[in-house]
Amino acid sequence: MKTVALILAGGIGKRMGVSLPKQFLEIKGKPVLVHTLSNFQRNDSVNSIVVVCVSDWIEYTWDLVKKYNLSKVEAIIPGGNTSHDSTRNGIFHLRRTLGKGDVVIIHDAARPILPQKAIDEMLRIAKDSGNASLAIPCYETVIYTDDQLSGNKELDRSHLMRVQTPQAYEYSSILELYERAEKEDRHDFIYADIVAVEYGMTVYFSKGFTNNIKITKQEDIPLCEYLMDIPEDQLFDL
Protein backbone atom coordinates (compact mmCIF):
# COMPACT_ATOMS: atom_id res chain seq x y z
CA MET A 1 0.00 0.00 0.00
CA LYS A 2 1.24 3.46 -0.95
CA THR A 3 0.33 6.77 0.69
CA VAL A 4 0.67 10.04 -1.23
CA ALA A 5 0.12 13.53 0.18
CA LEU A 6 -1.60 15.90 -2.23
CA ILE A 7 -0.85 19.49 -1.22
CA LEU A 8 -3.17 22.17 -2.59
CA ALA A 9 -1.18 25.32 -3.31
CA GLY A 10 -3.21 26.58 -6.26
CA GLY A 11 -4.76 29.65 -4.63
CA ILE A 12 -3.60 33.24 -5.03
CA GLY A 13 -4.74 34.49 -1.61
CA LYS A 14 -6.64 37.65 -2.58
CA ARG A 15 -7.81 38.21 1.00
CA MET A 16 -4.22 38.60 2.17
CA GLY A 17 -3.83 41.84 0.22
CA VAL A 18 -0.28 40.99 -0.86
CA SER A 19 1.38 40.57 -4.24
CA LEU A 20 2.37 36.92 -3.91
CA PRO A 21 0.27 33.83 -3.11
CA LYS A 22 -0.08 33.34 0.64
CA GLN A 23 1.58 29.91 0.54
CA PHE A 24 4.85 31.63 -0.39
CA LEU A 25 4.81 34.21 2.40
CA GLU A 26 7.67 33.68 4.85
CA ILE A 27 7.07 32.68 8.45
CA LYS A 28 10.02 32.00 10.73
CA GLY A 29 12.36 32.48 7.76
CA LYS A 30 10.69 29.90 5.49
CA PRO A 31 7.75 30.01 3.08
CA VAL A 32 4.48 28.68 4.47
CA LEU A 33 4.50 25.96 1.81
CA VAL A 34 7.88 24.69 3.00
CA HIS A 35 6.60 24.35 6.57
CA THR A 36 3.57 22.43 5.28
CA LEU A 37 5.57 20.11 3.04
CA SER A 38 8.04 19.41 5.83
CA ASN A 39 5.26 17.94 7.97
CA PHE A 40 4.71 15.22 5.37
CA GLN A 41 8.39 14.90 4.47
CA ARG A 42 9.14 13.69 8.00
CA ASN A 43 6.16 11.36 8.39
CA ASP A 44 7.21 7.74 7.95
CA SER A 45 3.81 6.67 6.57
CA VAL A 46 3.91 9.14 3.66
CA ASN A 47 5.71 7.73 0.62
CA SER A 48 5.59 10.76 -1.66
CA ILE A 49 4.14 14.22 -2.16
CA VAL A 50 2.43 15.91 -5.10
CA VAL A 51 1.98 19.70 -5.07
CA VAL A 52 -0.85 21.33 -7.01
CA CYS A 53 0.46 24.83 -7.63
CA VAL A 54 -0.30 28.17 -9.25
CA SER A 55 1.07 27.68 -12.76
CA ASP A 56 3.31 30.76 -12.71
CA TRP A 57 4.95 29.56 -9.48
CA ILE A 58 5.79 25.98 -10.41
CA GLU A 59 9.43 26.70 -11.24
CA TYR A 60 9.85 28.66 -8.01
CA THR A 61 8.31 25.77 -6.06
CA TRP A 62 10.83 23.34 -7.57
CA ASP A 63 13.57 25.71 -6.40
CA LEU A 64 12.15 25.53 -2.86
CA VAL A 65 11.97 21.74 -3.03
CA LYS A 66 15.65 21.57 -3.93
CA LYS A 67 16.74 24.25 -1.45
CA TYR A 68 15.06 22.58 1.51
CA ASN A 69 15.76 18.98 0.41
CA LEU A 70 12.11 17.97 0.24
CA SER A 71 12.96 14.68 -1.40
CA LYS A 72 9.47 13.17 -1.21
CA VAL A 73 8.05 15.71 -3.67
CA GLU A 74 7.67 13.72 -6.87
CA ALA A 75 5.58 16.12 -8.96
CA ILE A 76 4.37 19.73 -9.07
CA ILE A 77 1.37 20.19 -11.33
CA PRO A 78 -0.83 23.16 -12.31
CA GLY A 79 -3.90 24.03 -10.29
CA GLY A 80 -7.36 24.66 -11.69
CA ASN A 81 -9.85 27.52 -11.80
CA THR A 82 -11.48 26.45 -8.52
CA SER A 83 -10.41 24.61 -5.39
CA HIS A 84 -12.35 21.60 -6.65
CA ASP A 85 -10.56 21.68 -9.98
CA SER A 86 -7.16 21.81 -8.29
CA THR A 87 -8.02 18.76 -6.18
CA ARG A 88 -9.35 17.02 -9.28
CA ASN A 89 -6.11 17.73 -11.16
CA GLY A 90 -4.14 16.13 -8.36
CA ILE A 91 -6.38 13.09 -8.01
CA PHE A 92 -6.42 12.49 -11.77
CA HIS A 93 -2.62 12.88 -11.94
CA LEU A 94 -2.27 10.08 -9.40
CA ARG A 95 -4.04 7.61 -11.70
CA ARG A 96 -0.55 6.85 -13.01
CA THR A 97 0.78 5.64 -9.67
CA LEU A 98 -2.05 4.76 -7.27
CA GLY A 99 -4.66 2.03 -7.29
CA LYS A 100 -7.07 0.13 -5.07
CA GLY A 101 -5.93 0.03 -1.46
CA ASP A 102 -3.60 3.01 -1.77
CA VAL A 103 -4.30 6.20 0.20
CA VAL A 104 -4.31 9.83 -0.86
CA ILE A 105 -4.04 12.61 1.72
CA ILE A 106 -5.47 15.99 0.68
CA HIS A 107 -4.21 19.04 2.57
CA ASP A 108 -4.25 22.83 2.26
CA ALA A 109 -0.81 24.33 1.69
CA ALA A 110 -1.87 27.25 3.90
CA ARG A 111 -2.23 25.02 6.99
CA PRO A 112 1.38 24.68 8.20
CA ILE A 113 0.61 23.68 11.81
CA LEU A 114 0.25 19.90 11.69
CA PRO A 115 1.59 17.61 14.43
CA GLN A 116 2.74 14.14 13.39
CA LYS A 117 0.28 12.41 15.72
CA ALA A 118 -2.60 14.10 13.90
CA ILE A 119 -1.43 12.64 10.59
CA ASP A 120 -0.90 9.20 12.13
CA GLU A 121 -4.34 9.09 13.76
CA MET A 122 -6.04 10.19 10.54
CA LEU A 123 -4.27 7.44 8.58
CA ARG A 124 -5.19 4.85 11.19
CA ILE A 125 -8.89 5.66 10.90
CA ALA A 126 -8.75 5.94 7.10
CA LYS A 127 -7.22 2.46 6.83
CA ASP A 128 -9.98 1.05 9.06
CA SER A 129 -12.92 2.98 7.57
CA GLY A 130 -11.90 3.97 4.04
CA ASN A 131 -11.54 7.67 4.80
CA ALA A 132 -10.87 10.10 7.62
CA SER A 133 -10.85 13.87 8.04
CA LEU A 134 -9.60 15.97 10.88
CA ALA A 135 -12.63 17.53 12.55
CA ILE A 136 -13.55 19.24 15.80
CA PRO A 137 -16.90 19.67 17.55
CA CYS A 138 -18.65 22.98 17.12
CA TYR A 139 -18.67 24.69 20.53
CA GLU A 140 -20.02 28.09 19.50
CA THR A 141 -23.68 28.98 19.03
CA VAL A 142 -24.53 28.78 15.32
CA ILE A 143 -27.21 30.94 13.70
CA TYR A 144 -28.38 30.28 10.14
CA THR A 145 -28.24 33.28 7.79
CA ASP A 146 -29.18 33.95 4.19
CA ASP A 147 -27.26 37.21 3.80
CA GLN A 148 -24.42 37.27 6.37
CA LEU A 149 -26.17 40.25 8.02
CA SER A 150 -28.88 38.66 10.14
CA GLY A 151 -30.42 35.31 11.04
CA ASN A 152 -33.40 33.83 12.84
CA LYS A 153 -32.68 30.12 13.26
CA GLU A 154 -30.32 28.36 15.65
CA LEU A 155 -28.63 25.19 14.40
CA ASP A 156 -28.13 22.35 16.86
CA ARG A 157 -24.37 22.37 17.40
CA SER A 158 -24.43 18.85 18.84
CA HIS A 159 -25.02 17.66 15.26
CA LEU A 160 -22.27 19.79 13.70
CA MET A 161 -18.58 19.10 13.16
CA ARG A 162 -16.03 21.58 11.82
CA VAL A 163 -14.06 19.69 9.19
CA GLN A 164 -10.43 20.57 8.54
CA THR A 165 -7.63 19.23 6.40
CA PRO A 166 -5.80 16.94 6.04
CA GLN A 167 -8.31 14.42 4.76
CA ALA A 168 -7.39 10.88 3.72
CA TYR A 169 -9.20 8.60 1.28
CA GLU A 170 -8.77 5.15 -0.15
CA TYR A 171 -7.67 6.25 -3.59
CA SER A 172 -9.92 4.23 -5.89
CA SER A 173 -13.07 5.31 -4.03
CA ILE A 174 -12.34 9.05 -4.14
CA LEU A 175 -11.15 8.80 -7.75
CA GLU A 176 -14.50 7.29 -8.73
CA LEU A 177 -16.38 10.20 -7.12
CA TYR A 178 -14.24 12.85 -8.82
CA GLU A 179 -14.72 11.12 -12.16
CA ARG A 180 -18.45 11.22 -11.56
CA ALA A 181 -18.32 14.93 -10.71
CA GLU A 182 -16.34 15.54 -13.89
CA LYS A 183 -18.95 13.76 -16.03
CA GLU A 184 -21.63 15.89 -14.43
CA ASP A 185 -19.57 19.06 -15.00
CA ARG A 186 -19.54 19.87 -11.28
CA HIS A 187 -16.85 22.31 -10.17
CA ASP A 188 -18.42 23.88 -7.09
CA PHE A 189 -17.18 21.56 -4.36
CA ILE A 190 -14.74 23.07 -1.86
CA TYR A 191 -13.41 19.92 -0.16
CA ALA A 192 -13.25 16.24 -1.00
CA ASP A 193 -15.56 15.67 1.97
CA ILE A 194 -18.30 17.61 0.20
CA VAL A 195 -17.88 15.49 -2.92
CA ALA A 196 -18.07 12.38 -0.74
CA VAL A 197 -21.29 13.27 1.08
CA GLU A 198 -22.89 14.61 -2.12
CA TYR A 199 -22.54 11.17 -3.67
CA GLY A 200 -23.65 9.20 -0.63
CA MET A 201 -20.37 8.31 1.11
CA THR A 202 -20.16 8.40 4.89
CA VAL A 203 -17.32 10.62 6.10
CA TYR A 204 -15.40 9.50 9.19
CA PHE A 205 -13.77 11.91 11.61
CA SER A 206 -10.36 11.83 13.21
CA LYS A 207 -9.30 14.13 15.99
CA GLY A 208 -8.70 17.66 14.82
CA PHE A 209 -7.41 20.59 16.83
CA THR A 210 -8.34 24.23 17.24
CA ASN A 211 -4.92 25.55 16.25
CA ASN A 212 -5.00 23.89 12.83
CA ILE A 213 -5.35 27.36 11.34
CA LYS A 214 -5.58 28.14 7.65
CA ILE A 215 -3.63 31.29 6.83
CA THR A 216 -6.17 33.53 5.13
CA LYS A 217 -5.64 37.06 6.43
CA GLN A 218 -2.70 39.11 7.67
CA GLU A 219 -3.85 38.64 11.27
CA ASP A 220 -3.23 34.89 10.96
CA ILE A 221 0.53 35.32 10.49
CA PRO A 222 1.56 36.36 14.02
CA LEU A 223 -0.67 33.63 15.46
CA CYS A 224 0.98 31.07 13.22
CA GLU A 225 4.43 32.27 14.26
CA TYR A 226 3.47 31.87 17.91
CA LEU A 227 2.06 28.36 17.39
CA MET A 228 5.25 27.21 15.68
CA ASP A 229 7.08 27.73 18.99
CA ILE A 230 4.72 25.39 20.88
CA PRO A 231 5.76 21.71 21.16
CA GLU A 232 3.59 19.37 19.08
CA ASP A 233 2.46 17.36 22.11
CA GLN A 234 0.91 20.52 23.54
CA LEU A 235 -0.93 21.31 20.32
CA PHE A 236 -2.33 17.83 19.80
CA ASP A 237 -2.92 15.08 22.35
CA LEU A 238 -4.91 11.92 21.80
C-alpha atoms as a PDB file:
ATOM      1  CA  MET A   1       0.000   0.000   0.000  1.00  0.00           C
ATOM      2  CA  LYS A   2       1.240   3.459  -0.948  1.00  0.00           C
ATOM      3  CA  THR A   3       0.327   6.775   0.693  1.00  0.00           C
ATOM      4  CA  VAL A   4       0.674  10.044  -1.229  1.00  0.00           C
ATOM      5  CA  ALA A   5       0.120  13.528   0.184  1.00  0.00           C
ATOM      6  CA  LEU A   6      -1.601  15.899  -2.231  1.00  0.00           C
ATOM      7  CA  ILE A   7      -0.847  19.493  -1.219  1.00  0.00           C
ATOM      8  CA  LEU A   8      -3.175  22.165  -2.586  1.00  0.00           C
ATOM      9  CA  ALA A   9      -1.178  25.320  -3.313  1.00  0.00           C
ATOM     10  CA  GLY A  10      -3.212  26.578  -6.256  1.00  0.00           C
ATOM     11  CA  GLY A  11      -4.762  29.653  -4.629  1.00  0.00           C
ATOM     12  CA  ILE A  12      -3.600  33.236  -5.033  1.00  0.00           C
ATOM     13  CA  GLY A  13      -4.744  34.494  -1.613  1.00  0.00           C
ATOM     14  CA  LYS A  14      -6.643  37.652  -2.584  1.00  0.00           C
ATOM     15  CA  ARG A  15      -7.812  38.207   0.998  1.00  0.00           C
ATOM     16  CA  MET A  16      -4.219  38.596   2.166  1.00  0.00           C
ATOM     17  CA  GLY A  17      -3.828  41.842   0.225  1.00  0.00           C
ATOM     18  CA  VAL A  18      -0.277  40.987  -0.862  1.00  0.00           C
ATOM     19  CA  SER A  19       1.382  40.572  -4.237  1.00  0.00           C
ATOM     20  CA  LEU A  20       2.372  36.920  -3.914  1.00  0.00           C
ATOM     21  CA  PRO A  21       0.273  33.831  -3.109  1.00  0.00           C
ATOM     22  CA  LYS A  22      -0.079  33.344   0.640  1.00  0.00           C
ATOM     23  CA  GLN A  23       1.575  29.911   0.540  1.00  0.00           C
ATOM     24  CA  PHE A  24       4.846  31.632  -0.386  1.00  0.00           C
ATOM     25  CA  LEU A  25       4.810  34.207   2.405  1.00  0.00           C
ATOM     26  CA  GLU A  26       7.672  33.681   4.845  1.00  0.00           C
ATOM     27  CA  ILE A  27       7.068  32.682   8.453  1.00  0.00           C
ATOM     28  CA  LYS A  28      10.019  31.998  10.725  1.00  0.00           C
ATOM     29  CA  GLY A  29      12.358  32.478   7.762  1.00  0.00           C
ATOM     30  CA  LYS A  30      10.691  29.900   5.486  1.00  0.00           C
ATOM     31  CA  PRO A  31       7.748  30.014   3.079  1.00  0.00           C
ATOM     32  CA  VAL A  32       4.480  28.682   4.473  1.00  0.00           C
ATOM     33  CA  LEU A  33       4.496  25.962   1.805  1.00  0.00           C
ATOM     34  CA  VAL A  34       7.884  24.689   3.000  1.00  0.00           C
ATOM     35  CA  HIS A  35       6.597  24.346   6.570  1.00  0.00           C
ATOM     36  CA  THR A  36       3.573  22.430   5.282  1.00  0.00           C
ATOM     37  CA  LEU A  37       5.575  20.109   3.040  1.00  0.00           C
ATOM     38  CA  SER A  38       8.044  19.412   5.834  1.00  0.00           C
ATOM     39  CA  ASN A  39       5.261  17.935   7.974  1.00  0.00           C
ATOM     40  CA  PHE A  40       4.711  15.215   5.372  1.00  0.00           C
ATOM     41  CA  GLN A  41       8.391  14.900   4.473  1.00  0.00           C
ATOM     42  CA  ARG A  42       9.144  13.691   7.997  1.00  0.00           C
ATOM     43  CA  ASN A  43       6.163  11.364   8.388  1.00  0.00           C
ATOM     44  CA  ASP A  44       7.212   7.739   7.945  1.00  0.00           C
ATOM     45  CA  SER A  45       3.812   6.673   6.570  1.00  0.00           C
ATOM     46  CA  VAL A  46       3.906   9.136   3.661  1.00  0.00           C
ATOM     47  CA  ASN A  47       5.706   7.726   0.623  1.00  0.00           C
ATOM     48  CA  SER A  48       5.590  10.755  -1.662  1.00  0.00           C
ATOM     49  CA  ILE A  49       4.137  14.217  -2.159  1.00  0.00           C
ATOM     50  CA  VAL A  50       2.432  15.915  -5.103  1.00  0.00           C
ATOM     51  CA  VAL A  51       1.981  19.699  -5.069  1.00  0.00           C
ATOM     52  CA  VAL A  52      -0.845  21.326  -7.010  1.00  0.00           C
ATOM     53  CA  CYS A  53       0.463  24.831  -7.634  1.00  0.00           C
ATOM     54  CA  VAL A  54      -0.302  28.167  -9.248  1.00  0.00           C
ATOM     55  CA  SER A  55       1.065  27.676 -12.762  1.00  0.00           C
ATOM     56  CA  ASP A  56       3.312  30.761 -12.712  1.00  0.00           C
ATOM     57  CA  TRP A  57       4.954  29.564  -9.485  1.00  0.00           C
ATOM     58  CA  ILE A  58       5.791  25.977 -10.413  1.00  0.00           C
ATOM     59  CA  GLU A  59       9.434  26.700 -11.238  1.00  0.00           C
ATOM     60  CA  TYR A  60       9.850  28.657  -8.006  1.00  0.00           C
ATOM     61  CA  THR A  61       8.309  25.774  -6.059  1.00  0.00           C
ATOM     62  CA  TRP A  62      10.826  23.342  -7.565  1.00  0.00           C
ATOM     63  CA  ASP A  63      13.570  25.709  -6.400  1.00  0.00           C
ATOM     64  CA  LEU A  64      12.152  25.529  -2.860  1.00  0.00           C
ATOM     65  CA  VAL A  65      11.974  21.740  -3.026  1.00  0.00           C
ATOM     66  CA  LYS A  66      15.651  21.572  -3.926  1.00  0.00           C
ATOM     67  CA  LYS A  67      16.742  24.251  -1.449  1.00  0.00           C
ATOM     68  CA  TYR A  68      15.058  22.575   1.514  1.00  0.00           C
ATOM     69  CA  ASN A  69      15.763  18.985   0.413  1.00  0.00           C
ATOM     70  CA  LEU A  70      12.112  17.973   0.245  1.00  0.00           C
ATOM     71  CA  SER A  71      12.962  14.676  -1.402  1.00  0.00           C
ATOM     72  CA  LYS A  72       9.468  13.172  -1.206  1.00  0.00           C
ATOM     73  CA  VAL A  73       8.052  15.713  -3.667  1.00  0.00           C
ATOM     74  CA  GLU A  74       7.669  13.718  -6.873  1.00  0.00           C
ATOM     75  CA  ALA A  75       5.582  16.124  -8.957  1.00  0.00           C
ATOM     76  CA  ILE A  76       4.375  19.732  -9.074  1.00  0.00           C
ATOM     77  CA  ILE A  77       1.365  20.185 -11.326  1.00  0.00           C
ATOM     78  CA  PRO A  78      -0.827  23.165 -12.313  1.00  0.00           C
ATOM     79  CA  GLY A  79      -3.898  24.028 -10.288  1.00  0.00           C
ATOM     80  CA  GLY A  80      -7.361  24.662 -11.691  1.00  0.00           C
ATOM     81  CA  ASN A  81      -9.848  27.517 -11.800  1.00  0.00           C
ATOM     82  CA  THR A  82     -11.476  26.451  -8.519  1.00  0.00           C
ATOM     83  CA  SER A  83     -10.414  24.607  -5.386  1.00  0.00           C
ATOM     84  CA  HIS A  84     -12.355  21.602  -6.649  1.00  0.00           C
ATOM     85  CA  ASP A  85     -10.561  21.681  -9.983  1.00  0.00           C
ATOM     86  CA  SER A  86      -7.157  21.808  -8.287  1.00  0.00           C
ATOM     87  CA  THR A  87      -8.025  18.763  -6.182  1.00  0.00           C
ATOM     88  CA  ARG A  88      -9.349  17.025  -9.278  1.00  0.00           C
ATOM     89  CA  ASN A  89      -6.114  17.734 -11.158  1.00  0.00           C
ATOM     90  CA  GLY A  90      -4.139  16.132  -8.364  1.00  0.00           C
ATOM     91  CA  ILE A  91      -6.379  13.090  -8.013  1.00  0.00           C
ATOM     92  CA  PHE A  92      -6.417  12.488 -11.768  1.00  0.00           C
ATOM     93  CA  HIS A  93      -2.623  12.883 -11.943  1.00  0.00           C
ATOM     94  CA  LEU A  94      -2.268  10.076  -9.397  1.00  0.00           C
ATOM     95  CA  ARG A  95      -4.041   7.612 -11.702  1.00  0.00           C
ATOM     96  CA  ARG A  96      -0.554   6.848 -13.015  1.00  0.00           C
ATOM     97  CA  THR A  97       0.780   5.643  -9.674  1.00  0.00           C
ATOM     98  CA  LEU A  98      -2.053   4.765  -7.273  1.00  0.00           C
ATOM     99  CA  GLY A  99      -4.659   2.032  -7.288  1.00  0.00           C
ATOM    100  CA  LYS A 100      -7.071   0.130  -5.069  1.00  0.00           C
ATOM    101  CA  GLY A 101      -5.933   0.026  -1.461  1.00  0.00           C
ATOM    102  CA  ASP A 102      -3.603   3.008  -1.769  1.00  0.00           C
ATOM    103  CA  VAL A 103      -4.300   6.195   0.201  1.00  0.00           C
ATOM    104  CA  VAL A 104      -4.306   9.833  -0.861  1.00  0.00           C
ATOM    105  CA  ILE A 105      -4.044  12.608   1.720  1.00  0.00           C
ATOM    106  CA  ILE A 106      -5.468  15.987   0.683  1.00  0.00           C
ATOM    107  CA  HIS A 107      -4.208  19.036   2.572  1.00  0.00           C
ATOM    108  CA  ASP A 108      -4.248  22.827   2.264  1.00  0.00           C
ATOM    109  CA  ALA A 109      -0.812  24.334   1.695  1.00  0.00           C
ATOM    110  CA  ALA A 110      -1.866  27.249   3.903  1.00  0.00           C
ATOM    111  CA  ARG A 111      -2.234  25.022   6.988  1.00  0.00           C
ATOM    112  CA  PRO A 112       1.380  24.676   8.196  1.00  0.00           C
ATOM    113  CA  ILE A 113       0.608  23.683  11.814  1.00  0.00           C
ATOM    114  CA  LEU A 114       0.254  19.900  11.692  1.00  0.00           C
ATOM    115  CA  PRO A 115       1.594  17.607  14.434  1.00  0.00           C
ATOM    116  CA  GLN A 116       2.739  14.139  13.393  1.00  0.00           C
ATOM    117  CA  LYS A 117       0.278  12.412  15.720  1.00  0.00           C
ATOM    118  CA  ALA A 118      -2.604  14.096  13.904  1.00  0.00           C
ATOM    119  CA  ILE A 119      -1.433  12.637  10.589  1.00  0.00           C
ATOM    120  CA  ASP A 120      -0.898   9.203  12.132  1.00  0.00           C
ATOM    121  CA  GLU A 121      -4.336   9.092  13.760  1.00  0.00           C
ATOM    122  CA  MET A 122      -6.037  10.189  10.536  1.00  0.00           C
ATOM    123  CA  LEU A 123      -4.275   7.442   8.576  1.00  0.00           C
ATOM    124  CA  ARG A 124      -5.193   4.847  11.190  1.00  0.00           C
ATOM    125  CA  ILE A 125      -8.889   5.662  10.899  1.00  0.00           C
ATOM    126  CA  ALA A 126      -8.745   5.938   7.103  1.00  0.00           C
ATOM    127  CA  LYS A 127      -7.224   2.464   6.833  1.00  0.00           C
ATOM    128  CA  ASP A 128      -9.979   1.048   9.055  1.00  0.00           C
ATOM    129  CA  SER A 129     -12.918   2.980   7.572  1.00  0.00           C
ATOM    130  CA  GLY A 130     -11.899   3.975   4.037  1.00  0.00           C
ATOM    131  CA  ASN A 131     -11.542   7.669   4.803  1.00  0.00           C
ATOM    132  CA  ALA A 132     -10.872  10.102   7.618  1.00  0.00           C
ATOM    133  CA  SER A 133     -10.852  13.870   8.044  1.00  0.00           C
ATOM    134  CA  LEU A 134      -9.596  15.974  10.883  1.00  0.00           C
ATOM    135  CA  ALA A 135     -12.632  17.527  12.550  1.00  0.00           C
ATOM    136  CA  ILE A 136     -13.552  19.240  15.797  1.00  0.00           C
ATOM    137  CA  PRO A 137     -16.901  19.668  17.550  1.00  0.00           C
ATOM    138  CA  CYS A 138     -18.655  22.980  17.122  1.00  0.00           C
ATOM    139  CA  TYR A 139     -18.668  24.686  20.528  1.00  0.00           C
ATOM    140  CA  GLU A 140     -20.022  28.087  19.499  1.00  0.00           C
ATOM    141  CA  THR A 141     -23.678  28.977  19.030  1.00  0.00           C
ATOM    142  CA  VAL A 142     -24.530  28.777  15.321  1.00  0.00           C
ATOM    143  CA  ILE A 143     -27.212  30.941  13.704  1.00  0.00           C
ATOM    144  CA  TYR A 144     -28.379  30.277  10.136  1.00  0.00           C
ATOM    145  CA  THR A 145     -28.237  33.277   7.787  1.00  0.00           C
ATOM    146  CA  ASP A 146     -29.178  33.953   4.189  1.00  0.00           C
ATOM    147  CA  ASP A 147     -27.263  37.213   3.803  1.00  0.00           C
ATOM    148  CA  GLN A 148     -24.418  37.267   6.373  1.00  0.00           C
ATOM    149  CA  LEU A 149     -26.167  40.251   8.015  1.00  0.00           C
ATOM    150  CA  SER A 150     -28.875  38.658  10.139  1.00  0.00           C
ATOM    151  CA  GLY A 151     -30.425  35.314  11.035  1.00  0.00           C
ATOM    152  CA  ASN A 152     -33.397  33.830  12.842  1.00  0.00           C
ATOM    153  CA  LYS A 153     -32.684  30.116  13.257  1.00  0.00           C
ATOM    154  CA  GLU A 154     -30.322  28.358  15.649  1.00  0.00           C
ATOM    155  CA  LEU A 155     -28.631  25.192  14.397  1.00  0.00           C
ATOM    156  CA  ASP A 156     -28.130  22.354  16.859  1.00  0.00           C
ATOM    157  CA  ARG A 157     -24.369  22.373  17.396  1.00  0.00           C
ATOM    158  CA  SER A 158     -24.430  18.848  18.843  1.00  0.00           C
ATOM    159  CA  HIS A 159     -25.018  17.657  15.260  1.00  0.00           C
ATOM    160  CA  LEU A 160     -22.268  19.794  13.703  1.00  0.00           C
ATOM    161  CA  MET A 161     -18.575  19.098  13.161  1.00  0.00           C
ATOM    162  CA  ARG A 162     -16.031  21.583  11.817  1.00  0.00           C
ATOM    163  CA  VAL A 163     -14.065  19.694   9.187  1.00  0.00           C
ATOM    164  CA  GLN A 164     -10.431  20.568   8.541  1.00  0.00           C
ATOM    165  CA  THR A 165      -7.634  19.226   6.399  1.00  0.00           C
ATOM    166  CA  PRO A 166      -5.798  16.943   6.042  1.00  0.00           C
ATOM    167  CA  GLN A 167      -8.307  14.417   4.762  1.00  0.00           C
ATOM    168  CA  ALA A 168      -7.392  10.876   3.722  1.00  0.00           C
ATOM    169  CA  TYR A 169      -9.200   8.600   1.281  1.00  0.00           C
ATOM    170  CA  GLU A 170      -8.769   5.148  -0.155  1.00  0.00           C
ATOM    171  CA  TYR A 171      -7.668   6.247  -3.586  1.00  0.00           C
ATOM    172  CA  SER A 172      -9.915   4.232  -5.894  1.00  0.00           C
ATOM    173  CA  SER A 173     -13.075   5.311  -4.032  1.00  0.00           C
ATOM    174  CA  ILE A 174     -12.340   9.053  -4.139  1.00  0.00           C
ATOM    175  CA  LEU A 175     -11.155   8.804  -7.754  1.00  0.00           C
ATOM    176  CA  GLU A 176     -14.503   7.285  -8.727  1.00  0.00           C
ATOM    177  CA  LEU A 177     -16.375  10.198  -7.119  1.00  0.00           C
ATOM    178  CA  TYR A 178     -14.244  12.849  -8.824  1.00  0.00           C
ATOM    179  CA  GLU A 179     -14.718  11.116 -12.164  1.00  0.00           C
ATOM    180  CA  ARG A 180     -18.455  11.215 -11.556  1.00  0.00           C
ATOM    181  CA  ALA A 181     -18.318  14.931 -10.710  1.00  0.00           C
ATOM    182  CA  GLU A 182     -16.343  15.540 -13.894  1.00  0.00           C
ATOM    183  CA  LYS A 183     -18.945  13.756 -16.031  1.00  0.00           C
ATOM    184  CA  GLU A 184     -21.633  15.891 -14.428  1.00  0.00           C
ATOM    185  CA  ASP A 185     -19.569  19.057 -15.002  1.00  0.00           C
ATOM    186  CA  ARG A 186     -19.535  19.874 -11.277  1.00  0.00           C
ATOM    187  CA  HIS A 187     -16.848  22.309 -10.174  1.00  0.00           C
ATOM    188  CA  ASP A 188     -18.421  23.885  -7.086  1.00  0.00           C
ATOM    189  CA  PHE A 189     -17.178  21.562  -4.356  1.00  0.00           C
ATOM    190  CA  ILE A 190     -14.738  23.069  -1.861  1.00  0.00           C
ATOM    191  CA  TYR A 191     -13.413  19.916  -0.164  1.00  0.00           C
ATOM    192  CA  ALA A 192     -13.249  16.243  -1.004  1.00  0.00           C
ATOM    193  CA  ASP A 193     -15.564  15.674   1.968  1.00  0.00           C
ATOM    194  CA  ILE A 194     -18.301  17.609   0.201  1.00  0.00           C
ATOM    195  CA  VAL A 195     -17.875  15.491  -2.917  1.00  0.00           C
ATOM    196  CA  ALA A 196     -18.067  12.385  -0.740  1.00  0.00           C
ATOM    197  CA  VAL A 197     -21.290  13.269   1.083  1.00  0.00           C
ATOM    198  CA  GLU A 198     -22.888  14.613  -2.119  1.00  0.00           C
ATOM    199  CA  TYR A 199     -22.536  11.172  -3.673  1.00  0.00           C
ATOM    200  CA  GLY A 200     -23.646   9.202  -0.633  1.00  0.00           C
ATOM    201  CA  MET A 201     -20.375   8.313   1.106  1.00  0.00           C
ATOM    202  CA  THR A 202     -20.156   8.395   4.889  1.00  0.00           C
ATOM    203  CA  VAL A 203     -17.322  10.621   6.098  1.00  0.00           C
ATOM    204  CA  TYR A 204     -15.400   9.505   9.185  1.00  0.00           C
ATOM    205  CA  PHE A 205     -13.771  11.914  11.615  1.00  0.00           C
ATOM    206  CA  SER A 206     -10.355  11.833  13.206  1.00  0.00           C
ATOM    207  CA  LYS A 207      -9.305  14.130  15.994  1.00  0.00           C
ATOM    208  CA  GLY A 208      -8.702  17.663  14.815  1.00  0.00           C
ATOM    209  CA  PHE A 209      -7.407  20.591  16.827  1.00  0.00           C
ATOM    210  CA  THR A 210      -8.345  24.233  17.240  1.00  0.00           C
ATOM    211  CA  ASN A 211      -4.920  25.550  16.250  1.00  0.00           C
ATOM    212  CA  ASN A 212      -5.004  23.888  12.826  1.00  0.00           C
ATOM    213  CA  ILE A 213      -5.346  27.357  11.339  1.00  0.00           C
ATOM    214  CA  LYS A 214      -5.585  28.143   7.647  1.00  0.00           C
ATOM    215  CA  ILE A 215      -3.630  31.288   6.830  1.00  0.00           C
ATOM    216  CA  THR A 216      -6.168  33.529   5.130  1.00  0.00           C
ATOM    217  CA  LYS A 217      -5.643  37.057   6.430  1.00  0.00           C
ATOM    218  CA  GLN A 218      -2.703  39.108   7.666  1.00  0.00           C
ATOM    219  CA  GLU A 219      -3.852  38.642  11.266  1.00  0.00           C
ATOM    220  CA  ASP A 220      -3.233  34.893  10.961  1.00  0.00           C
ATOM    221  CA  ILE A 221       0.530  35.321  10.485  1.00  0.00           C
ATOM    222  CA  PRO A 222       1.555  36.364  14.023  1.00  0.00           C
ATOM    223  CA  LEU A 223      -0.667  33.633  15.461  1.00  0.00           C
ATOM    224  CA  CYS A 224       0.980  31.070  13.221  1.00  0.00           C
ATOM    225  CA  GLU A 225       4.433  32.272  14.259  1.00  0.00           C
ATOM    226  CA  TYR A 226       3.469  31.867  17.914  1.00  0.00           C
ATOM    227  CA  LEU A 227       2.059  28.361  17.389  1.00  0.00           C
ATOM    228  CA  MET A 228       5.249  27.210  15.684  1.00  0.00           C
ATOM    229  CA  ASP A 229       7.077  27.728  18.987  1.00  0.00           C
ATOM    230  CA  ILE A 230       4.724  25.395  20.884  1.00  0.00           C
ATOM    231  CA  PRO A 231       5.756  21.706  21.165  1.00  0.00           C
ATOM    232  CA  GLU A 232       3.590  19.369  19.081  1.00  0.00           C
ATOM    233  CA  ASP A 233       2.461  17.358  22.106  1.00  0.00           C
ATOM    234  CA  GLN A 234       0.907  20.516  23.537  1.00  0.00           C
ATOM    235  CA  LEU A 235      -0.935  21.314  20.317  1.00  0.00           C
ATOM    236  CA  PHE A 236      -2.327  17.828  19.801  1.00  0.00           C
ATOM    237  CA  ASP A 237      -2.916  15.082  22.349  1.00  0.00           C
ATOM    238  CA  LEU A 238      -4.906  11.923  21.797  1.00  0.00           C
END
